[in-house]
């Protein structure tokens, strides 16, 4: 059963022939010349019917395939025939040309791939580095004014480098804990002697989201301990925070754990 493949464009007759051989899963060194010739001629005929401009190279290779096919049908001499000579395989010359073609085709594909990768790379334009280069002892031969100007330029560059380093230096900000913020809130109400305030006044760093979140969670925890009350009259409105008597009462709260500790102490 023949294997037939149709494509629109080939770079040349050898490109078509190699394609047919590879997709018919033939070995390039053992071509089934009769089958591949039929495939080739059928494809060239389809190209002509479709009014595709078939170059003379396709026709030359078609003639060569027909010649090889005819020679393959003739009986060949072997060592058993008694002549002592072995006739050459008619496909040998074609195989050599196909191997050479595949080698150069692979090289062209490799160069094409490199060209595409190189086209995506950007190069930095060359800069004039003469200002930063030169002989180490060049300034020793200058007069005092030129030496002063050179030293001032050195200081300017040094100061610029320090500014860039300071700008890009990343320092890890010390994060305050909920326990510390709860103590700060208690100190705020006790020192100011007020029992009601706006929630925003409890936030030291109002532009810091982390500080806002810690303050909010601290208020919720103190409400759970009944030290604070909070009220928001409408959605997204201001939050009013009020201190309860428990916040000003320094007497420790009697809990089950404290009773158990006292019992164990006795």
C-alpha atoms as a PDB file:
ATOM      1  CA  UNK A   1       0.000   0.000   0.000  1.00  0.00           C
ATOM      2  CA  UNK A   2       1.450   3.347  -1.044  1.00  0.00           C
ATOM      3  CA  UNK A   3       2.074   6.263   1.285  1.00  0.00           C
ATOM      4  CA  UNK A   4       0.925   9.640  -0.005  1.00  0.00           C
ATOM      5  CA  UNK A   5       1.623  13.055   1.421  1.00  0.00           C
ATOM      6  CA  UNK A   6       0.514  16.443   0.140  1.00  0.00           C
ATOM      7  CA  UNK A   7       2.077  19.771   1.048  1.00  0.00           C
ATOM      8  CA  UNK A   8       1.873  23.154  -0.591  1.00  0.00           C
ATOM      9  CA  UNK A   9       5.451  24.387  -0.762  1.00  0.00           C
ATOM     10  CA  UNK A  10       8.854  22.706  -1.006  1.00  0.00           C
ATOM     11  CA  UNK A  11      12.211  24.371  -1.361  1.00  0.00           C
ATOM     12  CA  UNK A  12      13.224  22.032  -4.177  1.00  0.00           C
ATOM     13  CA  UNK A  13      12.932  18.511  -5.576  1.00  0.00           C
ATOM     14  CA  UNK A  14      15.255  17.010  -2.958  1.00  0.00           C
ATOM     15  CA  UNK A  15      13.212  18.640  -0.211  1.00  0.00           C
ATOM     16  CA  UNK A  16      10.104  16.882  -1.540  1.00  0.00           C
ATOM     17  CA  UNK A  17      11.952  13.567  -1.941  1.00  0.00           C
ATOM     18  CA  UNK A  18      13.385  13.640   1.587  1.00  0.00           C
ATOM     19  CA  UNK A  19       9.938  14.483   2.963  1.00  0.00           C
ATOM     20  CA  UNK A  20       8.359  11.507   1.188  1.00  0.00           C
ATOM     21  CA  UNK A  21      11.099   9.135   2.351  1.00  0.00           C
ATOM     22  CA  UNK A  22      10.890  10.224   5.987  1.00  0.00           C
ATOM     23  CA  UNK A  23       7.099  10.107   6.162  1.00  0.00           C
ATOM     24  CA  UNK A  24       7.052   6.697   4.500  1.00  0.00           C
ATOM     25  CA  UNK A  25       9.402   5.573   7.311  1.00  0.00           C
ATOM     26  CA  UNK A  26      12.016   4.371   4.853  1.00  0.00           C
ATOM     27  CA  UNK A  27      15.729   4.209   5.444  1.00  0.00           C
ATOM     28  CA  UNK A  28      17.551   6.684   3.252  1.00  0.00           C
ATOM     29  CA  UNK A  29      20.096   3.932   2.536  1.00  0.00           C
ATOM     30  CA  UNK A  30      17.419   1.435   1.489  1.00  0.00           C
ATOM     31  CA  UNK A  31      14.837   3.376  -0.517  1.00  0.00           C
ATOM     32  CA  UNK A  32      11.919   1.471  -1.998  1.00  0.00           C
ATOM     33  CA  UNK A  33      12.495   3.183  -5.294  1.00  0.00           C
ATOM     34  CA  UNK A  34       9.344   1.958  -7.024  1.00  0.00           C
ATOM     35  CA  UNK A  35       7.040   3.217  -4.275  1.00  0.00           C
ATOM     36  CA  UNK A  36       8.811   6.516  -3.750  1.00  0.00           C
ATOM     37  CA  UNK A  37       8.940   7.215  -7.515  1.00  0.00           C
ATOM     38  CA  UNK A  38       5.177   6.765  -7.775  1.00  0.00           C
ATOM     39  CA  UNK A  39       4.686   9.082  -4.838  1.00  0.00           C
ATOM     40  CA  UNK A  40       6.986  11.696  -6.349  1.00  0.00           C
ATOM     41  CA  UNK A  41       5.436  11.611  -9.837  1.00  0.00           C
ATOM     42  CA  UNK A  42       1.923  11.758  -8.390  1.00  0.00           C
ATOM     43  CA  UNK A  43       2.799  14.815  -6.341  1.00  0.00           C
ATOM     44  CA  UNK A  44       4.439  16.588  -9.299  1.00  0.00           C
ATOM     45  CA  UNK A  45       1.383  15.843 -11.409  1.00  0.00           C
ATOM     46  CA  UNK A  46      -0.886  17.338  -8.731  1.00  0.00           C
ATOM     47  CA  UNK A  47       1.280  20.447  -8.693  1.00  0.00           C
ATOM     48  CA  UNK A  48       0.919  20.810 -12.465  1.00  0.00           C
ATOM     49  CA  UNK A  49      -2.858  20.345 -12.309  1.00  0.00           C
ATOM     50  CA  UNK A  50      -3.060  23.034  -9.640  1.00  0.00           C
ATOM     51  CA  UNK A  51      -1.234  25.439 -11.981  1.00  0.00           C
ATOM     52  CA  UNK A  52       1.765  25.534  -9.689  1.00  0.00           C
ATOM     53  CA  UNK A  53       4.947  26.606 -11.434  1.00  0.00           C
ATOM     54  CA  UNK A  54       6.947  23.362 -11.459  1.00  0.00           C
ATOM     55  CA  UNK A  55      10.617  24.127 -12.097  1.00  0.00           C
ATOM     56  CA  UNK A  56      12.780  22.051 -14.379  1.00  0.00           C
ATOM     57  CA  UNK A  57      14.645  20.674 -11.343  1.00  0.00           C
ATOM     58  CA  UNK A  58      11.571  18.688 -10.328  1.00  0.00           C
ATOM     59  CA  UNK A  59      11.340  17.190 -13.809  1.00  0.00           C
ATOM     60  CA  UNK A  60      15.050  16.322 -13.893  1.00  0.00           C
ATOM     61  CA  UNK A  61      14.791  14.440 -10.619  1.00  0.00           C
ATOM     62  CA  UNK A  62      11.635  12.702 -11.854  1.00  0.00           C
ATOM     63  CA  UNK A  63      13.535  11.476 -14.883  1.00  0.00           C
ATOM     64  CA  UNK A  64      16.385  10.303 -12.666  1.00  0.00           C
ATOM     65  CA  UNK A  65      13.978   8.357 -10.457  1.00  0.00           C
ATOM     66  CA  UNK A  66      12.441   6.690 -13.477  1.00  0.00           C
ATOM     67  CA  UNK A  67      15.879   5.704 -14.724  1.00  0.00           C
ATOM     68  CA  UNK A  68      16.811   4.228 -11.353  1.00  0.00           C
ATOM     69  CA  UNK A  69      13.482   2.390 -11.228  1.00  0.00           C
ATOM     70  CA  UNK A  70      14.158   0.889 -14.672  1.00  0.00           C
ATOM     71  CA  UNK A  71      17.665  -0.160 -13.683  1.00  0.00           C
ATOM     72  CA  UNK A  72      16.313  -1.758 -10.516  1.00  0.00           C
ATOM     73  CA  UNK A  73      14.038  -3.956 -12.661  1.00  0.00           C
ATOM     74  CA  UNK A  74      16.979  -5.349 -14.662  1.00  0.00           C
ATOM     75  CA  UNK A  75      18.814  -8.378 -13.296  1.00  0.00           C
ATOM     76  CA  UNK A  76      22.097  -7.515 -11.634  1.00  0.00           C
ATOM     77  CA  UNK A  77      25.294  -9.523 -11.531  1.00  0.00           C
ATOM     78  CA  UNK A  78      26.256 -11.118  -8.241  1.00  0.00           C
ATOM     79  CA  UNK A  79      29.211 -13.047  -6.960  1.00  0.00           C
ATOM     80  CA  UNK A  80      27.282 -16.300  -7.479  1.00  0.00           C
ATOM     81  CA  UNK A  81      26.984 -15.654 -11.207  1.00  0.00           C
ATOM     82  CA  UNK A  82      30.603 -16.636 -11.698  1.00  0.00           C
ATOM     83  CA  UNK A  83      31.798 -13.339 -13.197  1.00  0.00           C
ATOM     84  CA  UNK A  84      33.463 -12.280  -9.978  1.00  0.00           C
ATOM     85  CA  UNK A  85      31.981  -8.783 -10.210  1.00  0.00           C
ATOM     86  CA  UNK A  86      29.096  -7.238  -8.319  1.00  0.00           C
ATOM     87  CA  UNK A  87      27.052  -4.588 -10.125  1.00  0.00           C
ATOM     88  CA  UNK A  88      26.662  -1.297  -8.301  1.00  0.00           C
ATOM     89  CA  UNK A  89      23.343  -0.444  -6.681  1.00  0.00           C
ATOM     90  CA  UNK A  90      21.586   2.100  -8.967  1.00  0.00           C
ATOM     91  CA  UNK A  91      20.453   3.992  -5.870  1.00  0.00           C
ATOM     92  CA  UNK A  92      23.978   4.722  -4.623  1.00  0.00           C
ATOM     93  CA  UNK A  93      24.432   8.087  -6.327  1.00  0.00           C
ATOM     94  CA  UNK A  94      20.963   9.244  -5.285  1.00  0.00           C
ATOM     95  CA  UNK A  95      21.583   8.240  -1.675  1.00  0.00           C
ATOM     96  CA  UNK A  96      24.857  10.206  -1.597  1.00  0.00           C
ATOM     97  CA  UNK A  97      23.100  13.315  -2.884  1.00  0.00           C
ATOM     98  CA  UNK A  98      20.274  12.941  -0.368  1.00  0.00           C
ATOM     99  CA  UNK A  99      22.706  12.521   2.546  1.00  0.00           C
ATOM    100  CA  UNK A 100      24.590  15.635   1.446  1.00  0.00           C
ATOM    101  CA  UNK A 101      21.336  17.559   1.059  1.00  0.00           C
ATOM    102  CA  UNK A 102      20.110  16.580   4.542  1.00  0.00           C
ATOM    103  CA  UNK A 103      23.421  17.642   6.073  1.00  0.00           C
ATOM    104  CA  UNK A 104      23.236  21.133   4.595  1.00  0.00           C
ATOM    105  CA  UNK A 105      19.518  21.401   5.342  1.00  0.00           C
ATOM    106  CA  UNK A 106      20.144  20.647   9.026  1.00  0.00           C
ATOM    107  CA  UNK A 107      22.912  23.250   9.078  1.00  0.00           C
ATOM    108  CA  UNK A 108      20.632  25.855   7.495  1.00  0.00           C
ATOM    109  CA  UNK A 109      17.896  25.132  10.041  1.00  0.00           C
ATOM    110  CA  UNK A 110      20.412  25.482  12.866  1.00  0.00           C
ATOM    111  CA  UNK A 111      21.606  28.843  11.492  1.00  0.00           C
ATOM    112  CA  UNK A 112      17.990  29.984  11.083  1.00  0.00           C
ATOM    113  CA  UNK A 113      17.252  29.104  14.715  1.00  0.00           C
ATOM    114  CA  UNK A 114      20.301  31.025  15.900  1.00  0.00           C
ATOM    115  CA  UNK A 115      19.334  34.006  13.777  1.00  0.00           C
ATOM    116  CA  UNK A 116      15.850  34.068  15.335  1.00  0.00           C
ATOM    117  CA  UNK A 117      17.287  33.873  18.863  1.00  0.00           C
ATOM    118  CA  UNK A 118      19.828  36.591  18.107  1.00  0.00           C
ATOM    119  CA  UNK A 119      17.112  38.845  16.714  1.00  0.00           C
ATOM    120  CA  UNK A 120      15.394  38.756  20.134  1.00  0.00           C
ATOM    121  CA  UNK A 121      18.539  39.875  21.979  1.00  0.00           C
ATOM    122  CA  UNK A 122      19.206  43.521  22.726  1.00  0.00           C
ATOM    123  CA  UNK A 123      22.708  44.910  22.963  1.00  0.00           C
ATOM    124  CA  UNK A 124      23.686  47.812  25.145  1.00  0.00           C
ATOM    125  CA  UNK A 125      25.211  50.628  23.072  1.00  0.00           C
ATOM    126  CA  UNK A 126      28.865  51.256  23.687  1.00  0.00           C
ATOM    127  CA  UNK A 127      29.591  54.077  26.097  1.00  0.00           C
ATOM    128  CA  UNK A 128      32.550  56.375  26.325  1.00  0.00           C
ATOM    129  CA  UNK A 129      34.486  55.161  29.367  1.00  0.00           C
ATOM    130  CA  UNK A 130      37.500  57.343  28.769  1.00  0.00           C
ATOM    131  CA  UNK A 131      36.429  59.546  31.675  1.00  0.00           C
ATOM    132  CA  UNK A 132      36.861  56.643  34.094  1.00  0.00           C
ATOM    133  CA  UNK A 133      40.000  55.173  32.567  1.00  0.00           C
ATOM    134  CA  UNK A 134      43.568  56.324  32.141  1.00  0.00           C
ATOM    135  CA  UNK A 135      46.913  56.027  33.748  1.00  0.00           C
ATOM    136  CA  UNK A 136      46.850  55.867  37.568  1.00  0.00           C
ATOM    137  CA  UNK A 137      49.494  58.572  37.859  1.00  0.00           C
ATOM    138  CA  UNK A 138      47.917  60.958  35.359  1.00  0.00           C
ATOM    139  CA  UNK A 139      46.823  63.486  37.994  1.00  0.00           C
ATOM    140  CA  UNK A 140      50.316  63.744  39.460  1.00  0.00           C
ATOM    141  CA  UNK A 141      51.425  65.848  36.496  1.00  0.00           C
ATOM    142  CA  UNK A 142      48.578  68.380  36.823  1.00  0.00           C
ATOM    143  CA  UNK A 143      48.695  71.769  38.402  1.00  0.00           C
ATOM    144  CA  UNK A 144      46.865  72.507  41.637  1.00  0.00           C
ATOM    145  CA  UNK A 145      43.700  73.869  39.961  1.00  0.00           C
ATOM    146  CA  UNK A 146      43.239  70.848  37.684  1.00  0.00           C
ATOM    147  CA  UNK A 147      43.993  68.535  40.585  1.00  0.00           C
ATOM    148  CA  UNK A 148      41.340  70.311  42.684  1.00  0.00           C
ATOM    149  CA  UNK A 149      38.740  69.949  39.914  1.00  0.00           C
ATOM    150  CA  UNK A 150      39.576  66.275  39.496  1.00  0.00           C
ATOM    151  CA  UNK A 151      39.236  65.690  43.230  1.00  0.00           C
ATOM    152  CA  UNK A 152      35.876  67.505  43.271  1.00  0.00           C
ATOM    153  CA  UNK A 153      34.645  65.258  40.452  1.00  0.00           C
ATOM    154  CA  UNK A 154      35.766  62.247  42.476  1.00  0.00           C
ATOM    155  CA  UNK A 155      33.805  63.465  45.492  1.00  0.00           C
ATOM    156  CA  UNK A 156      30.709  64.097  43.361  1.00  0.00           C
ATOM    157  CA  UNK A 157      30.850  60.570  41.933  1.00  0.00           C
ATOM    158  CA  UNK A 158      31.435  59.128  45.396  1.00  0.00           C
ATOM    159  CA  UNK A 159      28.476  61.053  46.822  1.00  0.00           C
ATOM    160  CA  UNK A 160      26.266  59.935  43.932  1.00  0.00           C
ATOM    161  CA  UNK A 161      27.186  56.291  44.508  1.00  0.00           C
ATOM    162  CA  UNK A 162      26.394  56.619  48.228  1.00  0.00           C
ATOM    163  CA  UNK A 163      22.999  58.186  47.417  1.00  0.00           C
ATOM    164  CA  UNK A 164      22.160  55.338  45.037  1.00  0.00           C
ATOM    165  CA  UNK A 165      23.155  52.735  47.632  1.00  0.00           C
ATOM    166  CA  UNK A 166      21.119  54.478  50.318  1.00  0.00           C
ATOM    167  CA  UNK A 167      18.115  54.695  47.999  1.00  0.00           C
ATOM    168  CA  UNK A 168      18.203  51.012  47.113  1.00  0.00           C
ATOM    169  CA  UNK A 169      19.121  49.717  50.541  1.00  0.00           C
ATOM    170  CA  UNK A 170      16.342  47.550  51.965  1.00  0.00           C
ATOM    171  CA  UNK A 171      15.930  47.397  55.688  1.00  0.00           C
ATOM    172  CA  UNK A 172      13.509  45.083  57.374  1.00  0.00           C
ATOM    173  CA  UNK A 173      10.996  47.105  59.318  1.00  0.00           C
ATOM    174  CA  UNK A 174      10.531  46.110  62.906  1.00  0.00           C
ATOM    175  CA  UNK A 175       6.983  44.812  63.306  1.00  0.00           C
ATOM    176  CA  UNK A 176       5.062  45.583  66.463  1.00  0.00           C
ATOM    177  CA  UNK A 177       3.106  42.765  68.075  1.00  0.00           C
ATOM    178  CA  UNK A 178      -0.527  42.741  69.184  1.00  0.00           C
ATOM    179  CA  UNK A 179       0.465  42.523  72.844  1.00  0.00           C
ATOM    180  CA  UNK A 180       2.613  45.663  72.614  1.00  0.00           C
ATOM    181  CA  UNK A 181      -0.111  47.570  70.787  1.00  0.00           C
ATOM    182  CA  UNK A 182      -2.681  46.575  73.464  1.00  0.00           C
ATOM    183  CA  UNK A 183      -0.374  48.038  76.130  1.00  0.00           C
ATOM    184  CA  UNK A 184      -0.029  51.206  74.042  1.00  0.00           C
ATOM    185  CA  UNK A 185      -3.808  51.551  73.816  1.00  0.00           C
ATOM    186  CA  UNK A 186      -4.138  51.120  77.591  1.00  0.00           C
ATOM    187  CA  UNK A 187      -1.471  53.776  78.157  1.00  0.00           C
ATOM    188  CA  UNK A 188      -3.274  56.099  75.744  1.00  0.00           C
ATOM    189  CA  UNK A 189      -6.561  56.016  77.679  1.00  0.00           C
ATOM    190  CA  UNK A 190      -4.938  56.118  81.113  1.00  0.00           C
ATOM    191  CA  UNK A 191      -2.520  58.957  80.362  1.00  0.00           C
ATOM    192  CA  UNK A 192      -4.969  61.130  78.463  1.00  0.00           C
ATOM    193  CA  UNK A 193      -7.730  60.463  80.985  1.00  0.00           C
ATOM    194  CA  UNK A 194     -10.344  60.112  78.242  1.00  0.00           C
ATOM    195  CA  UNK A 195     -12.832  57.307  77.843  1.00  0.00           C
ATOM    196  CA  UNK A 196     -13.797  57.781  74.196  1.00  0.00           C
ATOM    197  CA  UNK A 197     -11.801  58.460  71.032  1.00  0.00           C
ATOM    198  CA  UNK A 198     -11.759  57.903  67.311  1.00  0.00           C
ATOM    199  CA  UNK A 199     -10.134  54.675  66.104  1.00  0.00           C
ATOM    200  CA  UNK A 200      -7.696  56.578  63.864  1.00  0.00           C
ATOM    201  CA  UNK A 201      -6.138  58.281  66.877  1.00  0.00           C
ATOM    202  CA  UNK A 202      -4.979  54.890  68.142  1.00  0.00           C
ATOM    203  CA  UNK A 203      -2.894  54.298  64.991  1.00  0.00           C
ATOM    204  CA  UNK A 204       0.621  55.803  65.213  1.00  0.00           C
ATOM    205  CA  UNK A 205       1.500  55.176  61.544  1.00  0.00           C
ATOM    206  CA  UNK A 206      -1.718  55.891  59.651  1.00  0.00           C
ATOM    207  CA  UNK A 207      -0.184  55.155  56.237  1.00  0.00           C
ATOM    208  CA  UNK A 208       1.102  51.739  57.268  1.00  0.00           C
ATOM    209  CA  UNK A 209      -1.400  48.969  56.506  1.00  0.00           C
ATOM    210  CA  UNK A 210       0.343  46.589  58.863  1.00  0.00           C
ATOM    211  CA  UNK A 211       0.075  49.077  61.718  1.00  0.00           C
ATOM    212  CA  UNK A 212      -3.634  49.617  60.961  1.00  0.00           C
ATOM    213  CA  UNK A 213      -4.289  45.868  60.949  1.00  0.00           C
ATOM    214  CA  UNK A 214      -2.423  45.328  64.234  1.00  0.00           C
ATOM    215  CA  UNK A 215      -4.318  48.160  65.897  1.00  0.00           C
ATOM    216  CA  UNK A 216      -7.658  46.822  64.680  1.00  0.00           C
ATOM    217  CA  UNK A 217      -6.933  43.279  65.888  1.00  0.00           C
ATOM    218  CA  UNK A 218      -5.738  44.691  69.227  1.00  0.00           C
ATOM    219  CA  UNK A 219      -9.010  46.571  69.671  1.00  0.00           C
ATOM    220  CA  UNK A 220     -10.974  43.399  68.914  1.00  0.00           C
ATOM    221  CA  UNK A 221      -8.940  41.452  71.452  1.00  0.00           C
ATOM    222  CA  UNK A 222      -9.508  44.117  74.120  1.00  0.00           C
ATOM    223  CA  UNK A 223     -13.234  44.085  73.345  1.00  0.00           C
ATOM    224  CA  UNK A 224     -13.152  40.356  73.927  1.00  0.00           C
ATOM    225  CA  UNK A 225     -11.558  41.043  77.323  1.00  0.00           C
ATOM    226  CA  UNK A 226     -14.307  43.650  77.976  1.00  0.00           C
ATOM    227  CA  UNK A 227     -11.768  46.467  78.277  1.00  0.00           C
ATOM    228  CA  UNK A 228     -13.054  48.352  75.228  1.00  0.00           C
ATOM    229  CA  UNK A 229     -16.326  48.948  73.420  1.00  0.00           C
ATOM    230  CA  UNK A 230     -16.583  50.064  69.787  1.00  0.00           C
ATOM    231  CA  UNK A 231     -19.384  51.494  67.690  1.00  0.00           C
ATOM    232  CA  UNK A 232     -19.783  52.164  63.971  1.00  0.00           C
ATOM    233  CA  UNK A 233     -23.058  53.868  63.112  1.00  0.00           C
ATOM    234  CA  UNK A 234     -23.032  53.104  59.363  1.00  0.00           C
ATOM    235  CA  UNK A 235     -21.045  51.091  56.824  1.00  0.00           C
ATOM    236  CA  UNK A 236     -17.498  52.394  56.293  1.00  0.00           C
ATOM    237  CA  UNK A 237     -18.159  55.089  58.852  1.00  0.00           C
ATOM    238  CA  UNK A 238     -15.931  56.265  61.679  1.00  0.00           C
ATOM    239  CA  UNK A 239     -15.323  53.827  64.528  1.00  0.00           C
ATOM    240  CA  UNK A 240     -15.703  55.189  68.048  1.00  0.00           C
ATOM    241  CA  UNK A 241     -13.719  53.341  70.697  1.00  0.00           C
ATOM    242  CA  UNK A 242     -14.713  53.635  74.383  1.00  0.00           C
ATOM    243  CA  UNK A 243     -12.781  52.417  77.398  1.00  0.00           C
ATOM    244  CA  UNK A 244     -14.663  50.405  80.004  1.00  0.00           C
ATOM    245  CA  UNK A 245     -14.133  50.213  83.754  1.00  0.00           C
ATOM    246  CA  UNK A 246     -12.133  47.016  83.325  1.00  0.00           C
ATOM    247  CA  UNK A 247      -9.393  48.958  81.524  1.00  0.00           C
ATOM    248  CA  UNK A 248      -8.882  51.343  84.464  1.00  0.00           C
ATOM    249  CA  UNK A 249      -9.254  48.593  87.053  1.00  0.00           C
ATOM    250  CA  UNK A 250      -5.804  47.313  87.946  1.00  0.00           C
ATOM    251  CA  UNK A 251      -7.260  44.423  89.922  1.00  0.00           C
ATOM    252  CA  UNK A 252      -6.411  41.210  88.090  1.00  0.00           C
ATOM    253  CA  UNK A 253      -9.388  39.352  86.712  1.00  0.00           C
ATOM    254  CA  UNK A 254     -10.401  36.265  88.665  1.00  0.00           C
ATOM    255  CA  UNK A 255     -10.318  33.276  86.377  1.00  0.00           C
ATOM    256  CA  UNK A 256     -10.393  29.524  86.762  1.00  0.00           C
ATOM    257  CA  UNK A 257      -6.632  29.368  86.146  1.00  0.00           C
ATOM    258  CA  UNK A 258      -5.879  31.896  88.881  1.00  0.00           C
ATOM    259  CA  UNK A 259      -8.066  29.998  91.359  1.00  0.00           C
ATOM    260  CA  UNK A 260      -6.300  26.768  90.461  1.00  0.00           C
ATOM    261  CA  UNK A 261      -2.864  28.428  90.891  1.00  0.00           C
ATOM    262  CA  UNK A 262      -3.844  29.746  94.337  1.00  0.00           C
ATOM    263  CA  UNK A 263      -5.122  26.300  95.341  1.00  0.00           C
ATOM    264  CA  UNK A 264      -1.901  24.678  94.249  1.00  0.00           C
ATOM    265  CA  UNK A 265       0.108  27.281  96.133  1.00  0.00           C
ATOM    266  CA  UNK A 266      -1.638  26.418  99.368  1.00  0.00           C
END
